[in-house]
Protein backbone atom coordinates (compact mmCIF):
# COMPACT_ATOMS: atom_id res chain seq x y z
CA MET A 1 49.41 -35.28 2.48
CA PRO A 2 45.67 -35.55 1.62
CA SER A 3 44.14 -32.44 0.08
CA LEU A 4 41.41 -30.53 1.84
CA LEU A 5 37.83 -30.90 0.68
CA THR A 6 36.81 -28.27 -1.86
CA VAL A 7 33.48 -26.50 -2.19
CA THR A 8 32.69 -28.77 -5.14
CA ASP A 9 33.25 -31.84 -2.98
CA LEU A 10 30.99 -30.52 -0.23
CA PHE A 11 28.19 -29.37 -2.55
CA PRO A 12 26.37 -32.76 -2.75
CA TRP A 13 26.38 -33.08 1.03
CA VAL A 14 25.01 -29.58 1.38
CA THR A 15 22.17 -30.36 -1.03
CA LEU A 16 21.45 -33.62 0.83
CA GLY A 17 21.24 -31.72 4.10
CA ILE A 18 18.89 -29.16 2.54
CA ALA A 19 16.71 -31.93 1.07
CA LEU A 20 16.40 -33.66 4.44
CA LEU A 21 15.71 -30.32 6.13
CA ILE A 22 12.88 -29.66 3.64
CA GLY A 23 11.47 -33.07 4.51
CA VAL A 24 11.70 -32.31 8.23
CA ILE A 25 10.01 -28.89 7.91
CA VAL A 26 7.14 -30.11 5.73
CA GLY A 27 6.85 -33.38 7.68
CA ALA A 28 6.69 -31.57 11.01
CA GLU A 29 3.92 -29.32 9.74
CA ARG A 30 1.97 -32.32 8.46
CA GLU A 31 2.59 -34.15 11.75
CA THR A 32 0.73 -31.39 13.58
CA ALA A 33 -2.18 -31.99 11.20
CA ARG A 34 -2.04 -35.76 11.74
CA ALA A 35 -5.77 -35.97 12.39
CA HIS A 36 -6.32 -34.98 8.76
CA ALA A 37 -3.19 -36.50 7.19
CA ALA A 38 -2.19 -40.12 6.52
CA LEU A 39 1.50 -39.30 6.22
CA GLY A 40 3.73 -37.93 8.94
CA LEU A 41 7.28 -36.72 9.60
CA ARG A 42 9.15 -39.97 8.93
CA ASP A 43 7.31 -40.68 5.69
CA ILE A 44 8.07 -37.25 4.24
CA VAL A 45 11.72 -37.27 5.33
CA LEU A 46 12.17 -40.67 3.64
CA THR A 47 10.50 -39.23 0.54
CA SER A 48 12.99 -36.35 0.46
CA ALA A 49 15.90 -38.82 0.84
CA MET A 50 14.61 -40.94 -2.05
CA GLY A 51 14.16 -37.84 -4.17
CA TRP A 52 17.75 -36.72 -3.56
CA ILE A 53 19.20 -40.19 -4.27
CA THR A 54 17.15 -40.49 -7.47
CA GLY A 55 18.37 -37.07 -8.58
CA ARG A 56 22.00 -38.06 -7.99
CA LEU A 57 21.52 -41.09 -10.24
CA ASP A 58 20.61 -38.69 -13.07
CA GLU A 59 18.31 -41.22 -14.71
CA PRO A 60 14.95 -39.61 -15.62
CA LEU A 61 13.18 -42.95 -16.11
CA ILE A 62 14.18 -44.08 -12.63
CA GLY A 63 12.97 -40.78 -11.21
CA ILE A 64 9.58 -41.16 -12.92
CA ALA A 65 9.28 -44.75 -11.75
CA VAL A 66 10.07 -43.85 -8.11
CA MET A 67 7.59 -40.96 -8.13
CA LEU A 68 4.85 -43.16 -9.62
CA GLY A 69 5.60 -45.74 -6.93
CA ILE A 70 5.20 -43.11 -4.21
CA VAL A 71 1.91 -41.97 -5.75
CA ALA A 72 0.68 -45.58 -5.90
CA LEU A 73 1.55 -46.14 -2.23
CA MET A 74 -0.31 -42.98 -1.23
CA ILE A 75 -3.39 -44.11 -3.17
CA VAL A 76 -3.34 -47.58 -1.60
CA HIS A 77 -2.88 -46.31 1.96
CA ARG A 78 -5.15 -43.30 1.65
CA PRO A 79 -7.73 -43.25 4.48
CA ARG A 80 -11.27 -43.99 3.35
CA THR A 81 -12.95 -41.69 5.84
CA GLU A 82 -15.26 -38.74 5.27
CA SER A 83 -12.99 -36.49 7.33
CA HIS A 84 -10.13 -37.04 4.88
CA ILE A 85 -11.49 -35.23 1.84
CA GLY A 86 -8.47 -33.20 0.69
CA VAL A 87 -5.25 -34.10 -1.11
CA THR A 88 -3.05 -31.41 0.43
CA THR A 89 -0.65 -33.86 2.08
CA GLU A 90 -0.33 -35.96 -1.08
CA PHE A 91 0.56 -32.89 -3.15
CA ALA A 92 3.01 -31.78 -0.45
CA VAL A 93 4.77 -35.16 -0.59
CA ILE A 94 5.05 -34.99 -4.39
CA SER A 95 6.42 -31.43 -4.10
CA VAL A 96 9.02 -32.55 -1.53
CA PHE A 97 10.09 -35.41 -3.81
CA LEU A 98 10.46 -33.11 -6.83
CA MET A 99 12.41 -30.47 -4.89
CA SER A 100 14.70 -33.11 -3.40
CA TYR A 101 15.17 -34.67 -6.85
CA ALA A 102 16.16 -31.25 -8.24
CA LEU A 103 18.61 -30.76 -5.34
CA GLY A 104 20.26 -34.10 -6.09
CA LEU A 105 20.45 -33.32 -9.80
CA THR A 106 21.58 -29.69 -9.77
CA ARG A 107 25.11 -28.33 -9.71
CA GLU A 108 23.97 -24.68 -9.58
CA ALA A 109 23.90 -22.77 -6.29
CA SER A 110 21.27 -20.34 -7.64
CA LEU A 111 18.81 -23.22 -8.17
CA VAL A 112 19.43 -24.39 -4.61
CA VAL A 113 18.43 -20.95 -3.31
CA LEU A 114 15.27 -21.06 -5.44
CA ILE A 115 14.33 -24.51 -4.12
CA VAL A 116 14.86 -23.38 -0.52
CA ALA A 117 12.55 -20.39 -1.16
CA LEU A 118 9.93 -22.70 -2.71
CA SER A 119 10.10 -25.06 0.26
CA ILE A 120 9.59 -22.19 2.72
CA ALA A 121 6.63 -20.96 0.65
CA LEU A 122 5.20 -24.51 0.66
CA ALA A 123 5.53 -24.79 4.44
CA LEU A 124 3.88 -21.39 4.96
CA LEU A 125 1.03 -22.32 2.62
CA LEU A 126 0.44 -25.62 4.43
CA ASP A 127 0.49 -23.86 7.80
CA ALA A 128 -1.92 -21.15 6.63
CA LYS A 129 -4.82 -23.54 6.02
CA SER A 130 -7.21 -21.90 8.48
CA THR A 131 -6.23 -18.40 7.34
CA VAL A 132 -6.73 -19.24 3.66
CA LYS A 133 -10.13 -20.80 4.37
CA ARG A 134 -11.19 -17.80 6.42
CA VAL A 135 -10.10 -15.36 3.70
CA PHE A 136 -12.05 -17.14 0.97
CA LYS A 137 -15.10 -17.72 3.14
CA GLU A 138 -15.35 -14.47 5.08
CA VAL A 139 -13.22 -11.85 3.32
CA ILE A 140 -13.19 -12.56 -0.43
CA THR A 141 -16.47 -13.46 -2.10
CA GLU A 142 -16.98 -15.85 -4.99
CA LYS A 143 -17.98 -12.91 -7.21
CA GLU A 144 -14.71 -11.10 -6.41
CA VAL A 145 -12.60 -14.17 -7.26
CA ALA A 146 -14.49 -14.61 -10.56
CA ASP A 147 -13.99 -10.94 -11.45
CA ALA A 148 -10.28 -11.19 -10.60
CA ILE A 149 -9.96 -14.08 -13.05
CA ARG A 150 -11.81 -12.09 -15.73
CA PHE A 151 -9.55 -9.07 -15.13
CA LEU A 152 -6.44 -11.24 -15.59
CA ALA A 153 -8.02 -12.67 -18.75
CA ILE A 154 -8.47 -9.25 -20.39
CA ILE A 155 -4.78 -8.53 -19.68
CA PHE A 156 -3.02 -11.80 -20.42
CA ILE A 157 -5.37 -13.46 -22.93
CA ILE A 158 -7.15 -10.74 -24.95
CA LEU A 159 -4.39 -8.08 -25.08
CA PRO A 160 -1.68 -10.35 -26.59
CA LEU A 161 -4.13 -11.46 -29.30
CA LEU A 162 -4.84 -7.93 -30.52
CA PRO A 163 -2.82 -6.68 -33.52
CA ASP A 164 -0.28 -3.95 -33.01
CA GLY A 165 -0.47 -0.96 -35.33
CA ARG A 166 -3.05 1.52 -36.62
CA PHE A 167 -5.90 0.79 -39.04
CA GLY A 168 -8.84 2.49 -40.77
CA PRO A 169 -9.24 5.98 -42.24
CA TYR A 170 -6.41 8.27 -41.13
CA GLU A 171 -5.13 5.22 -39.18
CA PHE A 172 -7.33 6.24 -36.25
CA PHE A 173 -8.05 2.71 -35.01
CA SER A 174 -5.39 1.12 -32.80
CA PRO A 175 -6.86 -2.03 -31.18
CA ARG A 176 -4.04 -2.54 -28.72
CA THR A 177 -3.96 1.09 -27.59
CA LEU A 178 -7.73 1.14 -27.08
CA TRP A 179 -7.63 -2.13 -25.14
CA VAL A 180 -4.87 -0.74 -22.91
CA ALA A 181 -7.31 2.10 -22.14
CA VAL A 182 -9.94 -0.52 -21.26
CA ILE A 183 -7.43 -2.22 -18.94
CA LEU A 184 -6.57 1.11 -17.30
CA VAL A 185 -10.20 2.01 -16.63
CA THR A 186 -11.16 -1.45 -15.36
CA GLY A 187 -7.91 -1.66 -13.38
CA VAL A 188 -8.54 1.60 -11.56
CA SER A 189 -12.08 0.49 -10.76
CA PHE A 190 -10.92 -2.98 -9.71
CA VAL A 191 -8.09 -1.82 -7.45
CA GLY A 192 -10.25 0.96 -6.04
CA TYR A 193 -12.96 -1.53 -5.10
CA PHE A 194 -10.59 -3.56 -2.92
CA LEU A 195 -8.83 -0.53 -1.45
CA GLU A 196 -12.22 0.84 -0.47
CA LYS A 197 -13.30 -2.52 0.94
CA PHE A 198 -10.23 -3.02 3.12
CA LEU A 199 -9.15 0.57 3.88
CA GLY A 200 -12.50 2.32 3.96
CA LEU A 201 -14.15 4.71 1.54
CA LYS A 202 -12.07 7.84 2.19
CA LEU A 203 -8.58 6.33 2.53
CA GLY A 204 -9.12 3.85 -0.29
CA THR A 205 -10.47 6.52 -2.63
CA TRP A 206 -7.63 8.94 -1.85
CA LEU A 207 -5.02 6.27 -2.51
CA VAL A 208 -6.63 5.38 -5.84
CA ALA A 209 -6.78 9.07 -6.74
CA VAL A 210 -3.05 9.62 -6.11
CA LEU A 211 -1.85 6.42 -7.79
CA GLY A 212 -4.28 6.81 -10.70
CA GLY A 213 -3.30 10.44 -11.16
CA MET A 214 0.26 9.29 -11.84
CA VAL A 215 -1.04 7.16 -14.72
CA SER A 216 -3.98 8.97 -16.32
CA THR A 217 -6.02 11.85 -14.93
CA THR A 218 -8.49 11.44 -17.80
CA VAL A 219 -9.25 7.88 -16.73
CA MET A 220 -9.55 8.96 -13.10
CA THR A 221 -11.98 11.79 -13.95
CA GLN A 222 -14.19 9.39 -15.88
CA THR A 223 -14.02 6.80 -13.07
CA PHE A 224 -15.04 9.21 -10.31
CA ALA A 225 -17.72 10.73 -12.53
CA LYS A 226 -19.26 7.26 -12.89
CA GLN A 227 -19.10 6.77 -9.12
CA ALA A 228 -20.84 10.08 -8.47
CA ALA A 229 -23.58 9.26 -10.98
CA ALA A 230 -24.15 5.76 -9.59
CA ASN A 231 -24.11 6.84 -5.93
CA PRO A 232 -25.22 10.45 -5.27
CA ASP A 233 -24.08 10.08 -1.65
CA ARG A 234 -20.52 9.85 -2.96
CA LEU A 235 -20.67 13.16 -4.81
CA ARG A 236 -18.50 15.08 -2.36
CA ILE A 237 -15.78 12.43 -1.98
CA ALA A 238 -15.77 11.71 -5.73
CA TRP A 239 -15.31 15.43 -6.41
CA GLN A 240 -12.52 15.60 -3.84
CA ALA A 241 -10.76 12.52 -5.24
CA ALA A 242 -11.05 13.72 -8.86
CA THR A 243 -9.61 17.11 -7.89
CA LEU A 244 -6.76 15.49 -5.98
CA SER A 245 -6.02 13.14 -8.88
CA ASN A 246 -5.96 15.98 -11.41
CA SER A 247 -3.60 18.00 -9.23
CA ILE A 248 -1.06 15.14 -9.50
CA GLN A 249 -0.82 15.89 -13.22
CA PHE A 250 1.26 19.03 -12.62
CA PRO A 251 4.21 17.58 -10.65
CA ARG A 252 4.16 14.63 -13.07
CA LEU A 253 4.58 17.03 -16.01
CA LEU A 254 7.29 18.93 -14.15
CA ILE A 255 9.30 15.76 -13.57
CA LEU A 256 9.03 14.83 -17.27
CA LEU A 257 10.27 18.29 -18.29
CA LEU A 258 13.11 18.27 -15.76
CA VAL A 259 14.39 15.06 -17.32
CA THR A 260 13.88 16.00 -20.98
CA ALA A 261 14.12 19.81 -21.13
CA PRO A 262 15.40 21.52 -17.94
CA GLY A 263 15.15 24.98 -19.51
CA LEU A 264 11.46 24.51 -20.32
CA ALA A 265 10.89 23.08 -16.84
CA GLN A 266 12.45 26.18 -15.30
CA MET A 267 10.07 28.41 -17.29
CA THR A 268 6.93 26.39 -16.52
CA VAL A 269 7.58 25.62 -12.85
CA VAL A 270 6.00 29.00 -11.96
CA ALA A 271 2.75 27.71 -13.45
CA LEU A 272 2.85 24.01 -12.58
CA LEU A 273 3.58 24.33 -8.85
CA PRO A 274 0.81 26.91 -8.17
CA ALA A 275 -1.67 24.72 -10.07
CA PHE A 276 -0.58 21.71 -7.98
CA ALA A 277 -0.90 23.68 -4.74
CA ALA A 278 -4.33 24.99 -5.78
CA GLY A 279 -5.52 21.46 -6.49
CA LEU A 280 -4.29 20.19 -3.11
CA ILE A 281 -5.91 23.09 -1.26
CA MET A 282 -9.17 22.61 -3.17
CA SER A 283 -9.14 18.91 -2.34
CA ALA A 284 -8.57 19.63 1.35
CA ILE A 285 -11.38 22.21 1.44
CA ILE A 286 -13.80 19.86 -0.32
CA GLY A 287 -13.05 17.06 2.12
CA HIS A 288 -13.39 19.27 5.19
CA GLY A 289 -16.48 18.57 7.24
CA PRO A 290 -18.33 15.69 8.86
CA VAL A 291 -18.84 12.43 6.98
CA THR A 292 -22.46 11.68 6.22
CA VAL A 293 -24.04 8.28 6.73
CA GLY A 294 -24.27 7.86 2.99
CA ASP A 295 -20.56 8.58 2.59
CA ALA A 296 -19.59 6.29 5.44
CA LYS A 297 -21.35 3.13 4.25
CA PRO A 298 -21.88 3.26 0.51
CA PRO A 299 -22.96 0.15 -1.37
CA LEU A 300 -19.92 -1.46 -2.99
CA GLN A 301 -20.32 -2.04 -6.70
CA ASN A 302 -19.02 -4.97 -8.75
CA PRO A 303 -15.20 -5.17 -8.71
CA LEU A 304 -14.96 -5.41 -12.51
CA ARG A 305 -17.00 -2.85 -14.44
CA LEU A 306 -16.22 -3.53 -18.10
CA TRP A 307 -19.02 -1.60 -19.82
CA PRO A 308 -17.87 1.92 -18.74
CA ALA A 309 -14.35 0.99 -19.87
CA LEU A 310 -15.60 -0.02 -23.31
CA GLN A 311 -17.55 3.25 -23.57
CA PHE A 312 -14.35 5.16 -22.74
CA ALA A 313 -12.46 3.25 -25.48
CA VAL A 314 -15.15 4.16 -28.03
CA TYR A 315 -14.87 7.80 -26.93
CA MET A 316 -11.08 7.66 -27.40
CA ALA A 317 -11.49 6.23 -30.90
CA GLY A 318 -13.98 8.98 -31.83
CA VAL A 319 -11.72 11.75 -30.55
CA SER A 320 -8.77 10.21 -32.38
CA ILE A 321 -10.45 10.23 -35.79
CA VAL A 322 -11.79 13.79 -35.31
CA GLY A 323 -8.29 14.96 -34.41
CA ALA A 324 -6.79 13.16 -37.41
CA VAL A 325 -9.28 14.75 -39.82
CA LEU A 326 -8.68 18.26 -38.44
CA TYR A 327 -4.92 17.78 -38.63
CA ASP A 328 -5.21 16.58 -42.25
CA VAL A 329 -7.35 19.59 -43.24
CA LEU A 330 -5.26 22.25 -41.47
CA GLY A 331 -1.81 20.81 -42.16
CA ASP A 332 1.34 21.50 -40.14
CA GLY A 333 0.71 25.23 -39.88
CA GLY A 334 -1.63 24.96 -36.91
CA LEU A 335 0.99 24.07 -34.30
CA TYR A 336 -1.04 25.26 -31.35
CA LEU A 337 -4.28 23.75 -32.63
CA THR A 338 -2.46 20.48 -33.19
CA SER A 339 -1.26 20.60 -29.58
CA ALA A 340 -4.79 21.23 -28.37
CA ILE A 341 -6.13 18.29 -30.39
CA GLY A 342 -3.30 15.98 -29.32
CA ALA A 343 -3.74 16.84 -25.64
CA ILE A 344 -7.33 15.64 -25.80
CA LEU A 345 -5.98 12.15 -25.18
CA ASP A 346 -2.53 12.62 -23.67
CA VAL A 347 -0.89 15.73 -22.19
CA ASP A 348 2.36 13.86 -21.51
CA ALA A 349 2.84 13.08 -25.21
CA ILE A 350 2.48 16.77 -26.12
CA ALA A 351 4.83 17.77 -23.29
CA LEU A 352 7.49 15.29 -24.43
CA ASN A 353 7.10 16.41 -28.04
CA ALA A 354 7.47 20.07 -27.05
CA ALA A 355 10.49 19.24 -24.89
CA ASP A 356 12.08 17.38 -27.81
CA ARG A 357 11.48 20.33 -30.16
CA VAL A 358 12.91 22.80 -27.64
CA GLY A 359 15.94 20.60 -27.06
CA ALA A 360 16.53 20.31 -30.82
CA GLY A 361 16.25 24.07 -31.30
CA ILE A 362 13.17 23.75 -33.53
CA MET A 363 10.98 25.57 -31.02
CA ASP A 364 11.95 28.35 -28.61
CA LEU A 365 11.14 28.27 -24.91
CA GLN A 366 8.31 30.79 -25.20
CA ALA A 367 6.54 28.73 -27.88
CA GLY A 368 7.09 25.57 -25.84
CA GLN A 369 5.49 27.22 -22.83
CA ILE A 370 2.45 28.28 -24.90
CA VAL A 371 2.09 24.75 -26.29
CA LEU A 372 2.02 23.32 -22.75
CA VAL A 373 -0.57 25.86 -21.55
CA ILE A 374 -2.82 25.09 -24.52
CA ALA A 375 -2.37 21.33 -24.02
CA VAL A 376 -3.28 21.46 -20.33
CA GLY A 377 -6.27 23.71 -21.00
CA SER A 378 -7.50 21.48 -23.82
CA ASN A 379 -7.15 18.40 -21.66
CA MET A 380 -9.14 20.06 -18.88
CA ILE A 381 -11.93 20.89 -21.33
CA VAL A 382 -12.12 17.27 -22.44
CA LYS A 383 -12.18 16.05 -18.84
CA SER A 384 -14.98 18.52 -18.13
CA ILE A 385 -16.94 17.00 -21.01
CA LEU A 386 -16.24 13.53 -19.59
CA ALA A 387 -17.48 14.70 -16.19
CA ALA A 388 -20.71 15.88 -17.83
CA THR A 389 -21.30 12.81 -20.00
CA SER A 390 -20.18 10.14 -17.52
CA GLY A 391 -21.33 11.75 -14.27
CA SER A 392 -24.11 13.92 -12.95
CA PHE A 393 -24.69 17.62 -13.63
CA GLN A 394 -23.68 18.40 -10.02
CA PHE A 395 -20.36 16.60 -10.49
CA PHE A 396 -19.74 18.40 -13.79
CA ILE A 397 -20.30 21.85 -12.24
CA ARG A 398 -18.01 21.06 -9.32
CA MET A 399 -15.21 19.71 -11.53
CA LEU A 400 -15.55 22.71 -13.81
CA PHE A 401 -14.91 24.90 -10.77
CA SER A 402 -11.89 22.78 -9.71
CA PHE A 403 -10.37 22.98 -13.19
CA ALA A 404 -10.98 26.74 -13.31
CA VAL A 405 -9.20 27.24 -9.97
CA MET A 406 -6.17 25.15 -11.01
CA PHE A 407 -5.92 26.80 -14.44
CA ALA A 408 -6.29 30.27 -12.88
CA ALA A 409 -3.48 29.47 -10.41
CA ALA A 410 -1.24 28.40 -13.31
CA ALA A 411 -2.09 31.56 -15.29
CA LEU A 412 -1.45 33.75 -12.25
CA GLY A 413 1.94 32.09 -11.76
CA LEU A 414 2.88 32.87 -15.35
CA LEU A 415 1.76 36.50 -15.10
CA LEU A 416 3.61 37.14 -11.87
């Protein structure tokens, strides 16, 4: 009695069917664009069949020869008309051949799934010709595309080249850490630009404030201070967004403490939640009222603003060396002063350090609570200085008031 076909036996036929289906899908899409394409449905289906057969032969030289032959045929039969100026169809045919070749060659089901996904993406891209053209002609400007490329360059080209580690007196200079700060500042500005462009000034700014507040409230304060200084009409919404962003710091700290030191979180929740609530209420009050013409249609700035980010990195380096010198002079005895200095750059690091000390029994809960209060207060002072140096005097005064309200709410929670 003949045995039934196994999954292994059926696998080649399944891949052949998928290869032909890819040819049909891509060929049908190109057939609808026949006025601009020299190749149609039958040509592309035959290409997929040849690709699959060549893959089954498992001879790379034959595969290369067949692909070169297909390319030569497309060159010979390419229309010589002015209306046929693109090579989209030719690249689509080569892609179909390569995917079909891979289907004939592979024995892995996971690769088949990947090829199917790639073929669907290819068909969608081919079908979205008018949409893509409209986006890059009417929606995205040439300047925005160029700035996007530069932003990717500072992340994926410059950052990997920078040495890891600390250098200089007191090891204050950390190139990679400072460049990460540059990426954060430019990234917030870059993302905020597009959110504002597509969602509007208020909604885009609020979203940036919330998301940025989860990463770095110091960066957000500096970013909104720059906006307020560059565009006085944005003063109110920049103040509102900076206040909202800084209020996010308190639930973020609470979550960190809940994970690392639940006992310390239980003691500080009476301060962190009131400060968070005060920040939200302040933000709502600031944003209450009619939108002015200046707020409604502000001039959009360049997507990538690298110079303010570099200034912020220099500021970080200066604060770092000052803190290192003070720590070296005072020694380990100044625990609270050390916390204040450390929080100039990062409250989370001080919070995690305090939580670790409390968990290890080195520090009691009361001392841990004092360390956190000093760290938050110190960080607010630094952000007030940033608001003054990066923004206008009006923005500085308003942020000073916001910080005072949030700190007073935290202090009141502790006292009660």
